[in-house]
Amino acid sequence: MRVFNKELWKKRFREILSLDSHPGHISAGFAVGVFISFTPFFAFHTLMAIGAAFIFRLNKVTCVTGAWVNTPITVLPILGLSFKLGQMLRGLPPLEFHFKSIAWHHLKTHAASLLIGTSVLGFAAAIVAYFACYYLVVRFRKKDETLAELTREMEEVGDEIDE
């Protein structure tokens, strides 16, 4: 399964860390993808990430990679936590979260609580993802003098530099 392929993830992150783009631009794409990964629309995460990348002019690779952060291992705990958080924010008692599958037609009876909970958790995760990605890009680039200089110039100018 591609989601659990460690070498694929390493390759993908090396590609992201060495992109010829401003660290903030790379991080923004990744953060938006992470937010999308928390939504309960599992079959559409990749399509949503590509759409968001086009609409907001984000890097497609980072956005799609971020959308894959919520894996089959983490989906159920995140759904349960999102539901309880959504219930709490709506002022409702914390009920047990019962569902037959992660298909939307089985989840839609809990839609309001799930959408509120996944939005809050996704937003928090996106903020953490942005700063973690930014830090990792800058740190990775310091190892290569050319990339380090490019990053310094991009940070000074605040935008990408045309060469």
N, C-alpha and C. Protein backbone atom coordinates (compact mmCIF):
# COMPACT_ATOMS: atom_id res chain seq x y z
N MET A 1 0.83 -1.18 0.00
CA MET A 1 0.00 0.00 0.00
C MET A 1 0.88 1.25 0.00
N ARG A 2 0.55 2.21 -0.85
CA ARG A 2 1.37 3.41 -1.01
C ARG A 2 1.47 4.25 0.25
N VAL A 3 0.41 4.26 1.05
CA VAL A 3 0.38 5.10 2.25
C VAL A 3 1.47 4.68 3.24
N PHE A 4 1.78 3.39 3.28
CA PHE A 4 2.76 2.89 4.25
C PHE A 4 4.16 2.70 3.66
N ASN A 5 4.38 3.14 2.45
CA ASN A 5 5.67 2.97 1.78
C ASN A 5 6.65 4.03 2.30
N LYS A 6 7.54 3.59 3.20
CA LYS A 6 8.49 4.49 3.86
C LYS A 6 9.41 5.19 2.86
N GLU A 7 9.88 4.45 1.86
CA GLU A 7 10.78 5.03 0.87
C GLU A 7 10.08 6.09 0.03
N LEU A 8 8.81 5.85 -0.28
CA LEU A 8 8.04 6.83 -1.03
C LEU A 8 7.90 8.13 -0.24
N TRP A 9 7.63 8.01 1.05
CA TRP A 9 7.50 9.19 1.91
C TRP A 9 8.83 9.94 2.01
N LYS A 10 9.94 9.21 2.17
CA LYS A 10 11.25 9.86 2.23
C LYS A 10 11.54 10.62 0.94
N LYS A 11 11.27 9.95 -0.18
CA LYS A 11 11.50 10.58 -1.48
C LYS A 11 10.64 11.83 -1.62
N ARG A 12 9.38 11.73 -1.24
CA ARG A 12 8.46 12.86 -1.36
C ARG A 12 8.93 14.03 -0.50
N PHE A 13 9.38 13.76 0.73
CA PHE A 13 9.83 14.85 1.60
C PHE A 13 11.14 15.45 1.11
N ARG A 14 12.03 14.64 0.55
CA ARG A 14 13.26 15.22 -0.03
C ARG A 14 12.92 16.15 -1.19
N GLU A 15 11.94 15.73 -2.01
CA GLU A 15 11.50 16.59 -3.12
C GLU A 15 10.95 17.92 -2.58
N ILE A 16 10.14 17.83 -1.55
CA ILE A 16 9.54 19.04 -0.97
C ILE A 16 10.61 19.94 -0.38
N LEU A 17 11.53 19.37 0.37
CA LEU A 17 12.55 20.18 1.05
C LEU A 17 13.50 20.86 0.08
N SER A 18 13.66 20.29 -1.11
CA SER A 18 14.60 20.88 -2.06
C SER A 18 13.90 21.63 -3.20
N LEU A 19 12.62 21.89 -3.09
CA LEU A 19 11.92 22.65 -4.12
C LEU A 19 12.52 24.05 -4.26
N ASP A 20 12.54 24.54 -5.48
CA ASP A 20 13.06 25.88 -5.75
C ASP A 20 11.93 26.88 -5.56
N SER A 21 11.56 27.09 -4.32
CA SER A 21 10.45 27.96 -3.98
C SER A 21 10.68 28.53 -2.58
N HIS A 22 10.01 29.61 -2.28
CA HIS A 22 10.13 30.23 -0.96
C HIS A 22 9.64 29.24 0.10
N PRO A 23 10.34 29.13 1.23
CA PRO A 23 9.91 28.20 2.28
C PRO A 23 8.47 28.45 2.75
N GLY A 24 8.03 29.69 2.75
CA GLY A 24 6.66 30.00 3.14
C GLY A 24 5.65 29.47 2.13
N HIS A 25 6.00 29.51 0.86
CA HIS A 25 5.12 28.99 -0.19
C HIS A 25 5.02 27.47 -0.09
N ILE A 26 6.13 26.82 0.13
CA ILE A 26 6.15 25.36 0.30
C ILE A 26 5.32 24.99 1.52
N SER A 27 5.54 25.67 2.61
CA SER A 27 4.85 25.38 3.88
C SER A 27 3.36 25.64 3.79
N ALA A 28 2.97 26.68 3.08
CA ALA A 28 1.54 26.99 2.93
C ALA A 28 0.83 25.87 2.18
N GLY A 29 1.44 25.38 1.12
CA GLY A 29 0.84 24.27 0.38
C GLY A 29 0.68 23.03 1.24
N PHE A 30 1.71 22.73 2.01
CA PHE A 30 1.66 21.56 2.89
C PHE A 30 0.58 21.74 3.96
N ALA A 31 0.50 22.93 4.53
CA ALA A 31 -0.48 23.19 5.59
C ALA A 31 -1.91 23.07 5.06
N VAL A 32 -2.18 23.58 3.88
CA VAL A 32 -3.52 23.46 3.30
C VAL A 32 -3.84 22.00 3.06
N GLY A 33 -2.87 21.23 2.58
CA GLY A 33 -3.08 19.80 2.39
C GLY A 33 -3.38 19.08 3.70
N VAL A 34 -2.67 19.45 4.76
CA VAL A 34 -2.93 18.84 6.07
C VAL A 34 -4.34 19.17 6.53
N PHE A 35 -4.77 20.42 6.36
CA PHE A 35 -6.15 20.77 6.72
C PHE A 35 -7.14 19.88 5.96
N ILE A 36 -6.92 19.72 4.68
CA ILE A 36 -7.80 18.89 3.85
C ILE A 36 -7.80 17.44 4.34
N SER A 37 -6.65 16.95 4.79
CA SER A 37 -6.56 15.56 5.25
C SER A 37 -7.44 15.28 6.45
N PHE A 38 -7.82 16.32 7.18
CA PHE A 38 -8.67 16.14 8.35
C PHE A 38 -10.16 16.15 8.01
N THR A 39 -10.52 16.55 6.81
CA THR A 39 -11.94 16.57 6.44
C THR A 39 -12.46 15.14 6.32
N PRO A 40 -13.76 14.94 6.53
CA PRO A 40 -14.32 13.58 6.45
C PRO A 40 -14.66 13.13 5.03
N PHE A 41 -14.14 13.81 4.03
CA PHE A 41 -14.40 13.46 2.63
C PHE A 41 -13.24 12.66 2.06
N PHE A 42 -13.03 11.49 2.61
CA PHE A 42 -11.82 10.70 2.39
C PHE A 42 -11.54 10.36 0.93
N ALA A 43 -12.54 10.07 0.17
CA ALA A 43 -12.32 9.69 -1.23
C ALA A 43 -11.89 10.88 -2.09
N PHE A 44 -12.01 12.09 -1.56
CA PHE A 44 -11.74 13.28 -2.36
C PHE A 44 -10.56 14.11 -1.89
N HIS A 45 -9.78 13.63 -0.94
CA HIS A 45 -8.67 14.42 -0.40
C HIS A 45 -7.69 14.86 -1.48
N THR A 46 -7.29 13.95 -2.34
CA THR A 46 -6.31 14.31 -3.37
C THR A 46 -6.91 15.31 -4.35
N LEU A 47 -8.14 15.08 -4.78
CA LEU A 47 -8.80 16.02 -5.69
C LEU A 47 -8.97 17.39 -5.05
N MET A 48 -9.35 17.40 -3.78
CA MET A 48 -9.51 18.67 -3.06
C MET A 48 -8.17 19.40 -2.96
N ALA A 49 -7.10 18.65 -2.71
CA ALA A 49 -5.76 19.26 -2.60
C ALA A 49 -5.32 19.86 -3.93
N ILE A 50 -5.56 19.14 -5.01
CA ILE A 50 -5.19 19.66 -6.34
C ILE A 50 -6.02 20.89 -6.65
N GLY A 51 -7.31 20.84 -6.35
CA GLY A 51 -8.17 22.00 -6.57
C GLY A 51 -7.73 23.20 -5.75
N ALA A 52 -7.43 22.98 -4.47
CA ALA A 52 -6.97 24.08 -3.60
C ALA A 52 -5.65 24.64 -4.11
N ALA A 53 -4.76 23.77 -4.58
CA ALA A 53 -3.46 24.23 -5.10
C ALA A 53 -3.66 25.14 -6.32
N PHE A 54 -4.59 24.78 -7.19
CA PHE A 54 -4.86 25.64 -8.35
C PHE A 54 -5.53 26.95 -7.94
N ILE A 55 -6.54 26.85 -7.08
CA ILE A 55 -7.30 28.04 -6.68
C ILE A 55 -6.42 29.04 -5.94
N PHE A 56 -5.61 28.55 -5.00
CA PHE A 56 -4.79 29.44 -4.16
C PHE A 56 -3.36 29.58 -4.67
N ARG A 57 -3.07 29.01 -5.83
CA ARG A 57 -1.74 29.07 -6.45
C ARG A 57 -0.66 28.53 -5.52
N LEU A 58 -0.93 27.35 -4.97
CA LEU A 58 0.00 26.68 -4.08
C LEU A 58 0.76 25.61 -4.85
N ASN A 59 1.83 25.13 -4.25
CA ASN A 59 2.58 24.05 -4.86
C ASN A 59 1.76 22.76 -4.79
N LYS A 60 1.55 22.13 -5.92
CA LYS A 60 0.71 20.93 -6.00
C LYS A 60 1.32 19.74 -5.25
N VAL A 61 2.63 19.58 -5.35
CA VAL A 61 3.29 18.45 -4.68
C VAL A 61 3.12 18.56 -3.16
N THR A 62 3.35 19.74 -2.61
CA THR A 62 3.25 19.90 -1.16
C THR A 62 1.80 19.79 -0.69
N CYS A 63 0.89 20.31 -1.47
CA CYS A 63 -0.52 20.28 -1.08
C CYS A 63 -1.04 18.83 -1.08
N VAL A 64 -0.73 18.07 -2.11
CA VAL A 64 -1.17 16.68 -2.18
C VAL A 64 -0.49 15.85 -1.08
N THR A 65 0.79 16.08 -0.85
CA THR A 65 1.48 15.35 0.21
C THR A 65 0.85 15.64 1.57
N GLY A 66 0.52 16.88 1.83
CA GLY A 66 -0.16 17.23 3.08
C GLY A 66 -1.51 16.54 3.20
N ALA A 67 -2.20 16.37 2.08
CA ALA A 67 -3.52 15.73 2.10
C ALA A 67 -3.43 14.25 2.44
N TRP A 68 -2.25 13.69 2.36
CA TRP A 68 -2.05 12.26 2.68
C TRP A 68 -1.59 12.05 4.12
N VAL A 69 -1.52 13.10 4.91
CA VAL A 69 -1.03 12.98 6.29
C VAL A 69 -1.95 12.13 7.15
N ASN A 70 -3.24 12.30 7.00
CA ASN A 70 -4.20 11.52 7.78
C ASN A 70 -4.34 10.14 7.13
N THR A 71 -3.68 9.16 7.69
CA THR A 71 -3.61 7.82 7.11
C THR A 71 -4.70 6.91 7.65
N PRO A 72 -4.86 5.72 7.07
CA PRO A 72 -5.86 4.78 7.60
C PRO A 72 -5.65 4.45 9.09
N ILE A 73 -4.44 4.59 9.57
CA ILE A 73 -4.16 4.33 10.99
C ILE A 73 -4.73 5.44 11.88
N THR A 74 -4.68 6.67 11.40
CA THR A 74 -5.10 7.81 12.22
C THR A 74 -6.54 8.26 11.98
N VAL A 75 -7.18 7.77 10.94
CA VAL A 75 -8.52 8.23 10.59
C VAL A 75 -9.52 8.02 11.72
N LEU A 76 -9.60 6.83 12.26
CA LEU A 76 -10.61 6.54 13.27
C LEU A 76 -10.43 7.35 14.56
N PRO A 77 -9.21 7.44 15.11
CA PRO A 77 -9.06 8.29 16.30
C PRO A 77 -9.39 9.76 16.03
N ILE A 78 -9.02 10.26 14.86
CA ILE A 78 -9.30 11.65 14.53
C ILE A 78 -10.80 11.87 14.36
N LEU A 79 -11.48 10.92 13.72
CA LEU A 79 -12.93 11.04 13.58
C LEU A 79 -13.62 11.06 14.95
N GLY A 80 -13.22 10.15 15.82
CA GLY A 80 -13.81 10.10 17.16
C GLY A 80 -13.57 11.37 17.94
N LEU A 81 -12.34 11.87 17.92
CA LEU A 81 -12.00 13.11 18.62
C LEU A 81 -12.73 14.30 18.00
N SER A 82 -12.81 14.33 16.67
CA SER A 82 -13.50 15.41 15.98
C SER A 82 -14.98 15.44 16.34
N PHE A 83 -15.59 14.25 16.39
CA PHE A 83 -17.00 14.17 16.73
C PHE A 83 -17.24 14.70 18.15
N LYS A 84 -16.43 14.25 19.09
CA LYS A 84 -16.61 14.70 20.49
C LYS A 84 -16.35 16.20 20.62
N LEU A 85 -15.34 16.70 19.93
CA LEU A 85 -15.05 18.13 19.95
C LEU A 85 -16.21 18.91 19.33
N GLY A 86 -16.71 18.44 18.21
CA GLY A 86 -17.84 19.09 17.55
C GLY A 86 -19.08 19.11 18.44
N GLN A 87 -19.33 18.01 19.12
CA GLN A 87 -20.46 17.93 20.04
C GLN A 87 -20.29 18.96 21.16
N MET A 88 -19.10 19.02 21.73
CA MET A 88 -18.82 19.94 22.82
C MET A 88 -18.99 21.40 22.35
N LEU A 89 -18.44 21.74 21.18
CA LEU A 89 -18.54 23.11 20.67
C LEU A 89 -19.97 23.49 20.32
N ARG A 90 -20.79 22.51 20.02
CA ARG A 90 -22.21 22.76 19.73
C ARG A 90 -23.05 22.79 21.01
N GLY A 91 -22.41 22.54 22.16
CA GLY A 91 -23.12 22.55 23.43
C GLY A 91 -23.96 21.31 23.66
N LEU A 92 -23.59 20.23 22.99
CA LEU A 92 -24.34 18.98 23.11
C LEU A 92 -23.56 18.00 23.99
N PRO A 93 -24.24 17.03 24.58
CA PRO A 93 -23.53 16.05 25.41
C PRO A 93 -22.62 15.16 24.55
N PRO A 94 -21.48 14.75 25.10
CA PRO A 94 -20.57 13.88 24.34
C PRO A 94 -21.15 12.46 24.21
N LEU A 95 -21.68 12.15 23.06
CA LEU A 95 -22.27 10.84 22.79
C LEU A 95 -21.21 9.87 22.29
N GLU A 96 -21.54 8.60 22.32
CA GLU A 96 -20.68 7.61 21.69
C GLU A 96 -20.77 7.78 20.18
N PHE A 97 -19.69 7.61 19.51
CA PHE A 97 -19.63 7.79 18.06
C PHE A 97 -19.71 6.41 17.41
N HIS A 98 -20.87 6.09 16.86
CA HIS A 98 -21.07 4.80 16.20
C HIS A 98 -21.27 5.02 14.71
N PHE A 99 -20.57 4.25 13.91
CA PHE A 99 -20.74 4.31 12.46
C PHE A 99 -20.32 2.98 11.87
N LYS A 100 -20.84 2.67 10.68
CA LYS A 100 -20.57 1.39 10.03
C LYS A 100 -19.29 1.42 9.21
N SER A 101 -19.00 2.56 8.60
CA SER A 101 -17.79 2.71 7.80
C SER A 101 -17.47 4.20 7.71
N ILE A 102 -16.36 4.52 7.06
CA ILE A 102 -15.99 5.93 6.92
C ILE A 102 -16.59 6.54 5.65
N ALA A 103 -17.45 5.79 4.99
CA ALA A 103 -18.15 6.34 3.82
C ALA A 103 -19.09 7.45 4.29
N TRP A 104 -19.18 8.51 3.49
CA TRP A 104 -19.94 9.68 3.90
C TRP A 104 -21.40 9.35 4.22
N HIS A 105 -22.02 8.43 3.48
CA HIS A 105 -23.43 8.13 3.76
C HIS A 105 -23.62 7.48 5.13
N HIS A 106 -22.56 6.93 5.71
CA HIS A 106 -22.64 6.41 7.08
C HIS A 106 -22.29 7.49 8.12
N LEU A 107 -21.58 8.51 7.70
CA LEU A 107 -21.16 9.56 8.62
C LEU A 107 -22.10 10.77 8.62
N LYS A 108 -22.93 10.91 7.59
CA LYS A 108 -23.69 12.15 7.43
C LYS A 108 -24.69 12.43 8.56
N THR A 109 -25.08 11.40 9.32
CA THR A 109 -25.98 11.66 10.45
C THR A 109 -25.26 12.45 11.55
N HIS A 110 -23.94 12.43 11.52
CA HIS A 110 -23.12 13.17 12.49
C HIS A 110 -22.42 14.35 11.83
N ALA A 111 -22.92 14.78 10.67
CA ALA A 111 -22.23 15.75 9.82
C ALA A 111 -21.87 17.05 10.53
N ALA A 112 -22.81 17.66 11.23
CA ALA A 112 -22.53 18.97 11.84
C ALA A 112 -21.39 18.88 12.84
N SER A 113 -21.46 17.92 13.74
CA SER A 113 -20.39 17.76 14.74
C SER A 113 -19.07 17.39 14.09
N LEU A 114 -19.12 16.50 13.11
CA LEU A 114 -17.88 16.10 12.43
C LEU A 114 -17.24 17.27 11.67
N LEU A 115 -18.03 18.03 10.96
CA LEU A 115 -17.47 19.15 10.19
C LEU A 115 -16.88 20.22 11.10
N ILE A 116 -17.54 20.50 12.20
CA ILE A 116 -17.00 21.48 13.16
C ILE A 116 -15.72 20.93 13.79
N GLY A 117 -15.77 19.71 14.27
CA GLY A 117 -14.60 19.11 14.93
C GLY A 117 -13.41 18.94 14.01
N THR A 118 -13.66 18.44 12.78
CA THR A 118 -12.53 18.25 11.85
C THR A 118 -11.97 19.59 11.39
N SER A 119 -12.83 20.61 11.31
CA SER A 119 -12.33 21.94 10.92
C SER A 119 -11.40 22.51 11.98
N VAL A 120 -11.80 22.39 13.24
CA VAL A 120 -10.98 22.92 14.34
C VAL A 120 -9.67 22.14 14.44
N LEU A 121 -9.76 20.81 14.44
CA LEU A 121 -8.54 20.00 14.51
C LEU A 121 -7.66 20.19 13.28
N GLY A 122 -8.29 20.26 12.12
CA GLY A 122 -7.53 20.46 10.88
C GLY A 122 -6.82 21.79 10.85
N PHE A 123 -7.49 22.83 11.34
CA PHE A 123 -6.86 24.15 11.39
C PHE A 123 -5.67 24.15 12.33
N ALA A 124 -5.84 23.55 13.50
CA ALA A 124 -4.73 23.47 14.46
C ALA A 124 -3.56 22.67 13.87
N ALA A 125 -3.88 21.55 13.23
CA ALA A 125 -2.83 20.72 12.62
C ALA A 125 -2.15 21.47 11.47
N ALA A 126 -2.91 22.24 10.72
CA ALA A 126 -2.34 23.01 9.61
C ALA A 126 -1.35 24.06 10.11
N ILE A 127 -1.67 24.71 11.21
CA ILE A 127 -0.75 25.71 11.78
C ILE A 127 0.56 25.04 12.21
N VAL A 128 0.44 23.92 12.91
CA VAL A 128 1.64 23.18 13.33
C VAL A 128 2.41 22.71 12.10
N ALA A 129 1.70 22.21 11.09
CA ALA A 129 2.35 21.71 9.87
C ALA A 129 3.09 22.83 9.14
N TYR A 130 2.50 24.02 9.10
CA TYR A 130 3.15 25.14 8.43
C TYR A 130 4.51 25.44 9.06
N PHE A 131 4.51 25.63 10.38
CA PHE A 131 5.76 25.99 11.05
C PHE A 131 6.78 24.85 11.04
N ALA A 132 6.31 23.62 11.18
CA ALA A 132 7.22 22.46 11.13
C ALA A 132 7.84 22.33 9.74
N CYS A 133 7.04 22.48 8.72
CA CYS A 133 7.55 22.38 7.34
C CYS A 133 8.52 23.52 7.05
N TYR A 134 8.18 24.74 7.45
CA TYR A 134 9.05 25.89 7.23
C TYR A 134 10.42 25.65 7.88
N TYR A 135 10.39 25.21 9.14
CA TYR A 135 11.62 24.93 9.87
C TYR A 135 12.44 23.85 9.15
N LEU A 136 11.79 22.77 8.72
CA LEU A 136 12.50 21.68 8.06
C LEU A 136 13.09 22.10 6.72
N VAL A 137 12.36 22.90 5.96
CA VAL A 137 12.88 23.38 4.67
C VAL A 137 14.13 24.23 4.89
N VAL A 138 14.04 25.18 5.80
CA VAL A 138 15.18 26.07 6.06
C VAL A 138 16.36 25.27 6.60
N ARG A 139 16.11 24.35 7.52
CA ARG A 139 17.19 23.54 8.09
C ARG A 139 17.84 22.65 7.03
N PHE A 140 17.03 22.02 6.18
CA PHE A 140 17.55 21.16 5.11
C PHE A 140 18.39 21.97 4.14
N ARG A 141 17.94 23.16 3.83
CA ARG A 141 18.65 23.99 2.85
C ARG A 141 19.97 24.53 3.39
N LYS A 142 20.12 24.64 4.68
CA LYS A 142 21.38 25.12 5.26
C LYS A 142 22.53 24.16 4.99
N LYS A 143 22.20 22.91 4.71
CA LYS A 143 23.24 21.91 4.43
C LYS A 143 23.84 22.09 3.04
N ASP A 144 23.14 22.75 2.15
CA ASP A 144 23.61 22.99 0.79
C ASP A 144 23.78 24.50 0.62
N GLU A 145 25.00 24.94 0.34
CA GLU A 145 25.30 26.38 0.29
C GLU A 145 24.46 27.11 -0.76
N THR A 146 24.24 26.50 -1.91
CA THR A 146 23.45 27.14 -2.96
C THR A 146 22.01 27.33 -2.51
N LEU A 147 21.42 26.26 -1.94
CA LEU A 147 20.05 26.36 -1.44
C LEU A 147 19.96 27.33 -0.26
N ALA A 148 20.99 27.35 0.58
CA ALA A 148 20.99 28.26 1.73
C ALA A 148 21.00 29.71 1.27
N GLU A 149 21.81 30.02 0.27
CA GLU A 149 21.86 31.39 -0.26
C GLU A 149 20.54 31.76 -0.91
N LEU A 150 19.96 30.85 -1.66
CA LEU A 150 18.67 31.10 -2.29
C LEU A 150 17.59 31.37 -1.24
N THR A 151 17.60 30.60 -0.17
CA THR A 151 16.63 30.78 0.91
C THR A 151 16.81 32.13 1.58
N ARG A 152 18.06 32.51 1.86
CA ARG A 152 18.33 33.83 2.47
C ARG A 152 17.80 34.95 1.59
N GLU A 153 18.05 34.86 0.29
CA GLU A 153 17.59 35.90 -0.63
C GLU A 153 16.06 35.93 -0.69
N MET A 154 15.44 34.77 -0.72
CA MET A 154 13.97 34.72 -0.76
C MET A 154 13.36 35.30 0.50
N GLU A 155 13.96 35.01 1.65
CA GLU A 155 13.45 35.55 2.91
C GLU A 155 13.62 37.05 2.99
N GLU A 156 14.73 37.58 2.44
CA GLU A 156 14.95 39.02 2.44
C GLU A 156 13.95 39.73 1.53
N VAL A 157 13.75 39.18 0.35
CA VAL A 157 12.85 39.78 -0.61
C VAL A 157 11.41 39.49 -0.27
N GLY A 158 11.17 38.33 0.36
CA GLY A 158 9.81 37.94 0.73
C GLY A 158 9.07 37.27 -0.41
N ASP A 159 9.78 36.90 -1.46
CA ASP A 159 9.12 36.28 -2.59
C ASP A 159 10.13 35.36 -3.29
N GLU A 160 9.66 34.71 -4.33
CA GLU A 160 10.55 33.85 -5.08
C GLU A 160 11.43 34.72 -5.98
N ILE A 161 12.62 34.22 -6.26
CA ILE A 161 13.58 34.98 -7.06
C ILE A 161 13.68 34.32 -8.41
N ASP A 162 13.56 35.09 -9.47
CA ASP A 162 13.75 34.56 -10.82
C ASP A 162 15.22 34.60 -11.15
N GLU A 163 15.69 33.47 -11.67
CA GLU A 163 17.12 33.41 -12.02
C GLU A 163 17.31 33.48 -13.50
